[in-house]
Every structure is written in C-alpha cells, then in structure tokens.
Amino acid sequence: MASDLRRKEELPQLTQRIVETYVEVGTINHLGHRPLPRYDVVISALEDLKDIIYPGYRRREGLHLGNVTYHVGDLIDGLHDKLTTQIARALQHEARVTDNIDPNDSQADYEAKGQAMAIDFLEKIPDLRRLLATDVHAAYDGDPACKSQDEVIFCYPGHDAITTHRIAHELYKMGVPFIPRMMSEYAHRQTGIDIHPGATIGPHFFIDHGTGVVIGETCHIGAHVKLYQGVTLGALSFATDNDGNLVRGHKRHPTLEDHVVIYANATVLGGKTVVGHHSVIGSSVWLTHSVQPRTTVLMEKPKLRIREELPDELAPELNYHI
C-alpha cells in the first residue's frame, strides 16, 4: 500500500512540538556557539595513542627502527592538534557549567591552555609505556593459558581497559574535564570493564577475564594486584549535604594494598575499607570493613543439593542427596 502523502503535512507541527521541549527540558540539549568535545575525535586520539604505545600491533604494519620515528612523529603531530582543540572545548564547557567563566577570557585563551595541557600530556607517553609494560607482564605471568605477551596486547580485554585507564587517568590528574570520562566509558562499552579515570592503580595490574568489573573514582590500588570478573570496588553509601545534594570529592571507595587477589563476583565497599597487602578475597564475598595484611576472606562453603532421577520402575519418587 502506498504511503499517504497527506500525513507529511503533520510533520511541521510535530517538529515545533519537539523544539518546544528544548526550552521546557533544557538540561538534555546543548545549543549555542560553544561546541563540546567531539566524541569521534576523542576516540580517534585514543586509538592514535594506543598505536604509539604498542607500535606494530594495531593499524600500521611493517614498522621497524628505520621508519618508526617518522610514523610516531606523524601521530604526535596529529595528536597535538586533536588534543589542543578538544581540551580547549572541554575547558570552555567546564567553565560554563560551573559558572566560572571569566569575561576576559577569549577563545584564544582556551586554545592556549588546551595546547599547554596537550603537550604536558604527550610528554608523559614514555612513562606510560614503561608502566603499561608491567601490566603486560602481570597478565602473562598471571594466566597459564596465555602463550605470549603479544597475546595479552592483542586479545585481553582487561589489558585494553587498563591501557585506556592509564591514558585517561593522566588527563584526569592534569585537570582535563570531560575527556577522561569519555575515554573510560568508551572502554567500558568495548570491554564490559568500568574503571573511573580518577582511580589510582599501581604497576603490575591484571584483570583476568574482566567482564563486569567496576572500579570507583576514589579507589587506591597498589602494585601486583589481580582482580577476576565481576569484582566491584564501590561506595558503601552516598553522603548528602543539608539540601540533600550528594557530597562530592571525598574518598568513597576502598584501598587495596600490594599483592592483593580478589576472586570473581566479590564486592568490596567503602572509603574506609582497606584490604591489607598479600590478602585474598574469595568469590562472592561481600566486604565492608578493613582486613589485616595476609588475610584470606572466604564465604562459608555452601551445601550442594543434588537431585538424582532414576527410572520409574526403580524409584517412583525422586531421591535427594545432601
């Protein structure tokens, strides 16, 4: 059946009703002349950074010491431009939403600040590579199914998530708004691992399997820590002020000291909760208080209920064994 062209006459009125909501519900639209950071450019910059950190593993093949300098130089030049513009946009947006706009600031001032922060960040890439190399070692040493460190870089979602986190965390520490969270949520969608860019994570960090891991903003994680899938490092409660608004900026998430292992689906909550070094938290544990170093925390062994079904002529009723 052919479409009724007369119904198209209703569309201008529908359009007007939609546009009216842009005033009525003004909190979920961004209209004006101050552009936000572009998601596609931020993710492109993230992928460029991964290409620099792991040359030869990703988009460009045939790299060797004779041509890698040109390749990295080209990426660095492009990253300078991308990050300068996107950080400038993020800074201007932050000033607007926090009512911290200086009327004397021009677009050029934001661009200058963005460039300075972009260059400061790019200076950190050598140290980022050294730190991420320890994470590759941790994955290889911590998983007997892993055949090589190349496999970690190619295949392990936990390592991909921590790579993005280490990049986003450096930007977060520098005070770059918005962009670190854009990167971390991209990794969350790609890997199923949710690490807030504010979380502080030491070297030799490994997330095995990874799906469903959540690491909150104010977590402090030491060196040589290993997490399994489904682990939550979260807040115990959310404090509010006298007006009922959430109190932000205080430590809400736990601290894990060095050489801690937390097994699948365990939940550790609270800003005052400290898991001492060389401790082990077992699967499905719910922990809301600190434990001393070299402590093992386990759930009581559950009872299995096994139902055995036999042929009717032998056992007309079901037998249960505990």
Protein backbone atom coordinates (compact mmCIF):
# COMPACT_ATOMS: atom_id res chain seq x y z
CA MET A 1 0.00 0.00 0.00
CA ALA A 2 1.35 3.43 -0.94
CA SER A 3 2.13 5.92 1.82
CA ASP A 4 -0.33 8.75 2.42
CA LEU A 5 1.46 11.96 1.43
CA ARG A 6 -1.12 13.99 3.30
CA ARG A 7 0.28 12.66 6.59
CA LYS A 8 3.52 14.53 5.86
CA GLU A 9 1.60 17.76 6.40
CA GLU A 10 1.57 16.88 10.11
CA LEU A 11 5.37 16.88 10.36
CA PRO A 12 5.94 20.67 10.73
CA GLN A 13 3.65 20.70 13.78
CA LEU A 14 5.46 17.70 15.22
CA THR A 15 8.78 19.44 14.65
CA GLN A 16 7.55 22.51 16.51
CA ARG A 17 6.41 20.42 19.50
CA ILE A 18 9.82 18.79 19.66
CA VAL A 19 11.65 22.13 19.50
CA GLU A 20 9.47 23.50 22.31
CA THR A 21 10.85 20.78 24.59
CA TYR A 22 14.34 22.21 24.06
CA VAL A 23 13.22 25.08 26.28
CA GLU A 24 10.96 23.03 28.54
CA VAL A 25 13.59 20.33 29.17
CA GLY A 26 16.74 22.37 28.72
CA THR A 27 19.02 20.07 30.68
CA ILE A 28 19.44 17.50 27.89
CA ASN A 29 20.31 19.68 24.93
CA HIS A 30 23.36 21.79 24.17
CA LEU A 31 22.56 24.73 21.91
CA GLY A 32 24.77 27.73 21.33
CA HIS A 33 28.12 28.66 19.92
CA ARG A 34 30.41 26.79 22.33
CA PRO A 35 30.99 23.35 20.79
CA LEU A 36 31.52 20.35 23.03
CA PRO A 37 34.43 17.93 22.60
CA ARG A 38 33.73 15.72 19.61
CA TYR A 39 33.34 12.09 20.59
CA ASP A 40 34.74 10.73 17.34
CA VAL A 41 37.85 12.92 17.56
CA VAL A 42 38.50 11.97 21.20
CA ILE A 43 38.26 8.26 20.37
CA SER A 44 40.46 8.78 17.31
CA ALA A 45 43.06 10.39 19.58
CA LEU A 46 42.77 7.44 21.97
CA GLU A 47 43.41 4.99 19.14
CA ASP A 48 46.39 7.07 17.96
CA LEU A 49 47.81 6.89 21.48
CA LYS A 50 47.43 3.11 21.56
CA ASP A 51 49.21 2.96 18.20
CA ILE A 52 52.13 4.87 19.70
CA ILE A 53 52.19 2.82 22.90
CA TYR A 54 52.02 -0.51 21.05
CA PRO A 55 53.64 0.14 17.65
CA GLY A 56 53.29 -2.66 15.14
CA TYR A 57 50.34 -4.29 16.91
CA ARG A 58 47.49 -2.19 15.65
CA ARG A 59 46.76 -0.23 12.48
CA ARG A 60 50.20 0.13 10.89
CA GLU A 61 52.23 -2.87 9.76
CA GLY A 62 55.80 -3.09 8.55
CA LEU A 63 57.27 -0.83 11.22
CA HIS A 64 60.96 -1.07 12.11
CA LEU A 65 63.55 1.16 13.71
CA GLY A 66 64.24 2.76 10.34
CA ASN A 67 60.75 4.15 9.84
CA VAL A 68 59.09 4.14 13.26
CA THR A 69 60.35 7.65 14.09
CA TYR A 70 58.51 9.08 11.09
CA HIS A 71 55.35 7.11 11.97
CA VAL A 72 55.34 8.21 15.62
CA GLY A 73 56.22 11.79 14.70
CA ASP A 74 53.27 11.96 12.34
CA LEU A 75 50.93 10.64 15.04
CA ILE A 76 52.31 13.01 17.67
CA ASP A 77 51.83 15.98 15.34
CA GLY A 78 48.21 14.99 14.73
CA LEU A 79 47.61 14.34 18.43
CA HIS A 80 48.89 17.81 19.27
CA ASP A 81 46.21 19.34 17.07
CA LYS A 82 43.40 16.99 18.11
CA LEU A 83 44.05 17.26 21.82
CA THR A 84 44.61 21.01 21.76
CA THR A 85 41.20 21.62 20.21
CA GLN A 86 39.30 19.03 22.23
CA ILE A 87 40.83 20.04 25.57
CA ALA A 88 40.10 23.70 24.81
CA ARG A 89 36.47 22.80 24.16
CA ALA A 90 36.31 20.77 27.38
CA LEU A 91 37.79 23.63 29.42
CA GLN A 92 35.33 26.12 27.97
CA HIS A 93 32.41 23.77 28.65
CA GLU A 94 33.58 23.23 32.24
CA ALA A 95 33.78 26.99 32.81
CA ARG A 96 30.26 27.40 31.50
CA VAL A 97 28.59 24.64 33.55
CA THR A 98 30.36 25.69 36.76
CA ASP A 99 29.58 29.41 36.24
CA ASN A 100 33.30 30.04 36.34
CA ILE A 101 33.53 31.97 33.08
CA ASP A 102 35.97 34.85 33.08
CA PRO A 103 34.55 37.57 30.79
CA ASN A 104 38.11 38.50 29.85
CA ASP A 105 38.87 35.00 28.51
CA SER A 106 38.76 34.64 24.75
CA GLN A 107 38.68 31.55 22.57
CA ALA A 108 42.41 32.06 22.06
CA ASP A 109 42.95 31.78 25.83
CA TYR A 110 41.24 28.40 25.91
CA GLU A 111 43.23 27.26 22.88
CA ALA A 112 46.47 28.27 24.62
CA LYS A 113 45.50 26.39 27.77
CA GLY A 114 44.48 23.39 25.69
CA GLN A 115 47.81 23.37 23.86
CA ALA A 116 49.80 23.58 27.09
CA MET A 117 47.88 20.68 28.61
CA ALA A 118 48.13 18.65 25.40
CA ILE A 119 51.90 18.99 25.28
CA ASP A 120 52.24 18.24 29.00
CA PHE A 121 50.22 15.07 28.46
CA LEU A 122 52.19 13.94 25.40
CA GLU A 123 55.37 14.31 27.46
CA LYS A 124 54.06 11.52 29.70
CA ILE A 125 53.90 8.87 26.96
CA PRO A 126 57.38 7.35 27.64
CA ASP A 127 56.47 6.77 31.29
CA LEU A 128 53.06 5.43 30.29
CA ARG A 129 54.74 2.84 28.07
CA ARG A 130 57.03 1.73 30.91
CA LEU A 131 54.05 1.40 33.27
CA LEU A 132 51.90 -0.50 30.78
CA ALA A 133 54.77 -2.90 30.10
CA THR A 134 54.44 -4.02 33.74
CA ASP A 135 50.74 -4.69 33.17
CA VAL A 136 51.54 -6.85 30.14
CA HIS A 137 53.99 -8.84 32.28
CA ALA A 138 51.35 -9.18 35.02
CA ALA A 139 48.83 -10.66 32.59
CA TYR A 140 51.34 -13.07 31.09
CA ASP A 141 52.64 -14.16 34.50
CA GLY A 142 49.15 -14.41 35.97
CA ASP A 143 47.40 -16.54 33.37
CA PRO A 144 48.77 -20.01 32.49
CA ALA A 145 46.53 -20.04 29.39
CA CYS A 146 48.48 -17.09 27.93
CA LYS A 147 51.07 -18.19 25.38
CA SER A 148 52.88 -14.87 24.85
CA GLN A 149 52.89 -11.19 25.74
CA ASP A 150 51.72 -10.49 22.19
CA GLU A 151 48.54 -12.38 23.08
CA VAL A 152 47.95 -10.03 26.01
CA ILE A 153 48.14 -6.94 23.80
CA PHE A 154 46.02 -8.43 21.02
CA CYS A 155 43.38 -10.35 22.95
CA TYR A 156 42.94 -9.43 26.60
CA PRO A 157 40.03 -7.06 27.32
CA GLY A 158 41.37 -6.42 30.81
CA HIS A 159 44.59 -5.08 29.38
CA ASP A 160 42.78 -2.96 26.83
CA ALA A 161 40.72 -1.45 29.67
CA ILE A 162 43.77 -0.69 31.80
CA THR A 163 45.55 0.86 28.79
CA THR A 164 42.66 3.27 28.30
CA HIS A 165 42.51 3.89 32.03
CA ARG A 166 46.18 4.81 32.32
CA ILE A 167 45.78 7.32 29.47
CA ALA A 168 42.55 8.77 30.90
CA HIS A 169 43.98 8.90 34.42
CA GLU A 170 46.88 11.11 33.33
CA LEU A 171 44.44 13.56 31.74
CA TYR A 172 42.27 13.38 34.87
CA LYS A 173 45.21 14.21 37.14
CA MET A 174 46.04 17.22 34.97
CA GLY A 175 42.54 18.58 35.47
CA VAL A 176 41.30 17.99 31.94
CA PRO A 177 37.49 17.85 32.22
CA PHE A 178 35.06 15.61 30.37
CA ILE A 179 37.55 13.88 28.02
CA PRO A 180 38.91 11.29 30.51
CA ARG A 181 35.37 10.13 31.24
CA MET A 182 34.58 9.93 27.52
CA MET A 183 37.57 7.62 27.10
CA SER A 184 36.77 5.43 30.10
CA GLU A 185 33.15 4.96 29.04
CA TYR A 186 34.31 4.01 25.55
CA ALA A 187 36.47 1.29 27.12
CA HIS A 188 33.52 0.26 29.29
CA ARG A 189 31.37 -0.30 26.22
CA GLN A 190 34.15 -2.16 24.42
CA THR A 191 35.23 -4.45 27.26
CA GLY A 192 32.49 -4.57 29.90
CA ILE A 193 35.02 -3.20 32.42
CA ASP A 194 34.12 0.08 34.15
CA ILE A 195 37.12 1.94 35.60
CA HIS A 196 36.60 5.56 36.60
CA PRO A 197 39.52 7.69 35.37
CA GLY A 198 40.05 9.00 38.89
CA ALA A 199 41.01 5.59 40.29
CA THR A 200 44.69 5.30 41.25
CA ILE A 201 46.19 1.97 40.17
CA GLY A 202 49.76 0.81 40.77
CA PRO A 203 52.03 -1.17 38.43
CA HIS A 204 51.71 -4.86 37.51
CA PHE A 205 47.89 -4.73 37.49
CA PHE A 206 45.88 -7.58 35.95
CA ILE A 207 42.15 -8.07 35.41
CA ASP A 208 41.51 -11.69 34.42
CA HIS A 209 38.52 -12.22 32.11
CA GLY A 210 37.22 -8.86 33.18
CA THR A 211 33.52 -8.73 32.32
CA GLY A 212 31.53 -6.83 34.92
CA VAL A 213 34.46 -5.36 36.87
CA VAL A 214 33.69 -1.95 38.42
CA ILE A 215 36.40 0.26 39.97
CA GLY A 216 35.21 3.52 41.53
CA GLU A 217 36.66 7.00 41.29
CA THR A 218 38.47 7.16 44.65
CA CYS A 219 39.90 3.64 44.69
CA HIS A 220 43.57 3.28 45.54
CA ILE A 221 45.08 0.04 44.24
CA GLY A 222 48.65 -0.96 44.97
CA ALA A 223 51.20 -2.92 42.96
CA HIS A 224 50.81 -6.55 41.79
CA VAL A 225 47.04 -6.64 42.33
CA LYS A 226 44.86 -9.15 40.47
CA LEU A 227 41.08 -8.98 40.00
CA TYR A 228 38.76 -11.51 38.44
CA GLN A 229 35.50 -10.97 36.58
CA GLY A 230 32.53 -9.38 38.31
CA VAL A 231 34.54 -7.69 41.09
CA THR A 232 33.07 -4.43 42.39
CA LEU A 233 35.17 -1.87 44.25
CA GLY A 234 32.41 0.54 45.14
CA ALA A 235 30.99 3.04 47.60
CA LEU A 236 29.21 1.92 50.74
CA SER A 237 26.82 4.89 50.80
CA PHE A 238 26.50 8.38 49.38
CA ALA A 239 26.71 11.24 51.85
CA THR A 240 24.40 14.23 51.26
CA ASP A 241 24.51 17.84 52.45
CA ASN A 242 21.73 19.72 54.23
CA ASP A 243 19.95 20.31 50.93
CA GLY A 244 20.00 16.64 50.00
CA ASN A 245 22.70 17.04 47.36
CA LEU A 246 25.44 14.44 47.01
CA VAL A 247 28.70 15.38 48.72
CA ARG A 248 31.45 15.02 46.14
CA GLY A 249 35.22 14.95 46.38
CA HIS A 250 35.72 12.69 49.42
CA LYS A 251 37.05 9.12 49.44
CA ARG A 252 34.17 6.72 48.88
CA HIS A 253 35.88 3.63 47.50
CA PRO A 254 38.23 1.05 49.03
CA THR A 255 42.01 0.79 49.15
CA LEU A 256 43.79 -2.40 48.07
CA GLU A 257 47.38 -2.71 49.20
CA ASP A 258 50.10 -4.56 47.25
CA HIS A 259 49.74 -8.19 46.13
CA VAL A 260 46.00 -8.46 46.79
CA VAL A 261 43.92 -11.00 44.84
CA ILE A 262 40.13 -10.68 44.61
CA TYR A 263 38.20 -13.54 43.06
CA ALA A 264 35.08 -13.50 40.88
CA ASN A 265 31.96 -11.57 41.89
CA ALA A 266 33.36 -10.29 45.18
CA THR A 267 32.17 -6.87 46.35
CA VAL A 268 34.37 -4.57 48.44
CA LEU A 269 32.76 -1.30 49.54
CA GLY A 270 33.59 1.87 51.44
CA GLY A 271 36.19 4.61 51.50
CA LYS A 272 37.49 3.47 54.89
CA THR A 273 37.83 -0.16 53.81
CA VAL A 274 41.46 -1.23 53.41
CA VAL A 275 42.44 -4.69 52.20
CA GLY A 276 45.90 -5.38 53.59
CA HIS A 277 48.80 -6.49 51.45
CA HIS A 278 49.05 -10.12 50.34
CA SER A 279 45.40 -10.73 51.22
CA VAL A 280 42.95 -12.90 49.26
CA ILE A 281 39.24 -12.14 48.97
CA GLY A 282 37.26 -15.17 47.83
CA SER A 283 34.48 -15.40 45.28
CA SER A 284 31.11 -13.80 46.10
CA VAL A 285 32.37 -12.22 49.34
CA TRP A 286 30.60 -9.01 50.48
CA LEU A 287 33.18 -6.96 52.40
CA THR A 288 32.52 -3.58 54.05
CA HIS A 289 35.32 -3.38 56.62
CA SER A 290 39.11 -3.49 56.57
CA VAL A 291 41.15 -6.69 56.80
CA GLN A 292 44.70 -7.06 58.03
CA PRO A 293 47.62 -7.97 55.73
CA ARG A 294 47.96 -11.63 54.73
CA THR A 295 44.29 -12.36 55.42
CA THR A 296 42.08 -14.75 53.48
CA VAL A 297 38.36 -13.92 53.46
CA LEU A 298 36.02 -16.68 52.24
CA MET A 299 32.32 -17.40 52.22
CA GLU A 300 31.24 -20.45 54.19
CA LYS A 301 31.21 -23.50 51.98
CA PRO A 302 27.68 -23.86 50.60
CA LYS A 303 25.80 -27.16 50.67
CA LEU A 304 25.07 -28.76 47.34
CA ARG A 305 21.63 -30.19 46.71
CA ILE A 306 21.82 -32.89 44.03
CA ARG A 307 18.67 -34.42 42.58
CA GLU A 308 19.16 -37.84 41.05
CA GLU A 309 16.43 -39.06 38.72
CA LEU A 310 16.07 -42.83 38.31
CA PRO A 311 13.80 -44.89 36.04
CA ASP A 312 10.20 -45.02 37.29
CA GLU A 313 10.26 -48.76 37.90
CA LEU A 314 13.24 -48.37 40.24
CA ALA A 315 12.29 -45.19 42.05
CA PRO A 316 8.81 -43.78 41.62
CA GLU A 317 9.78 -40.87 43.85
CA LEU A 318 12.77 -38.56 43.47
CA ASN A 319 15.77 -39.12 45.72
CA TYR A 320 17.72 -36.24 47.19
CA HIS A 321 21.26 -36.30 48.48
CA ILE A 322 22.74 -33.54 50.61
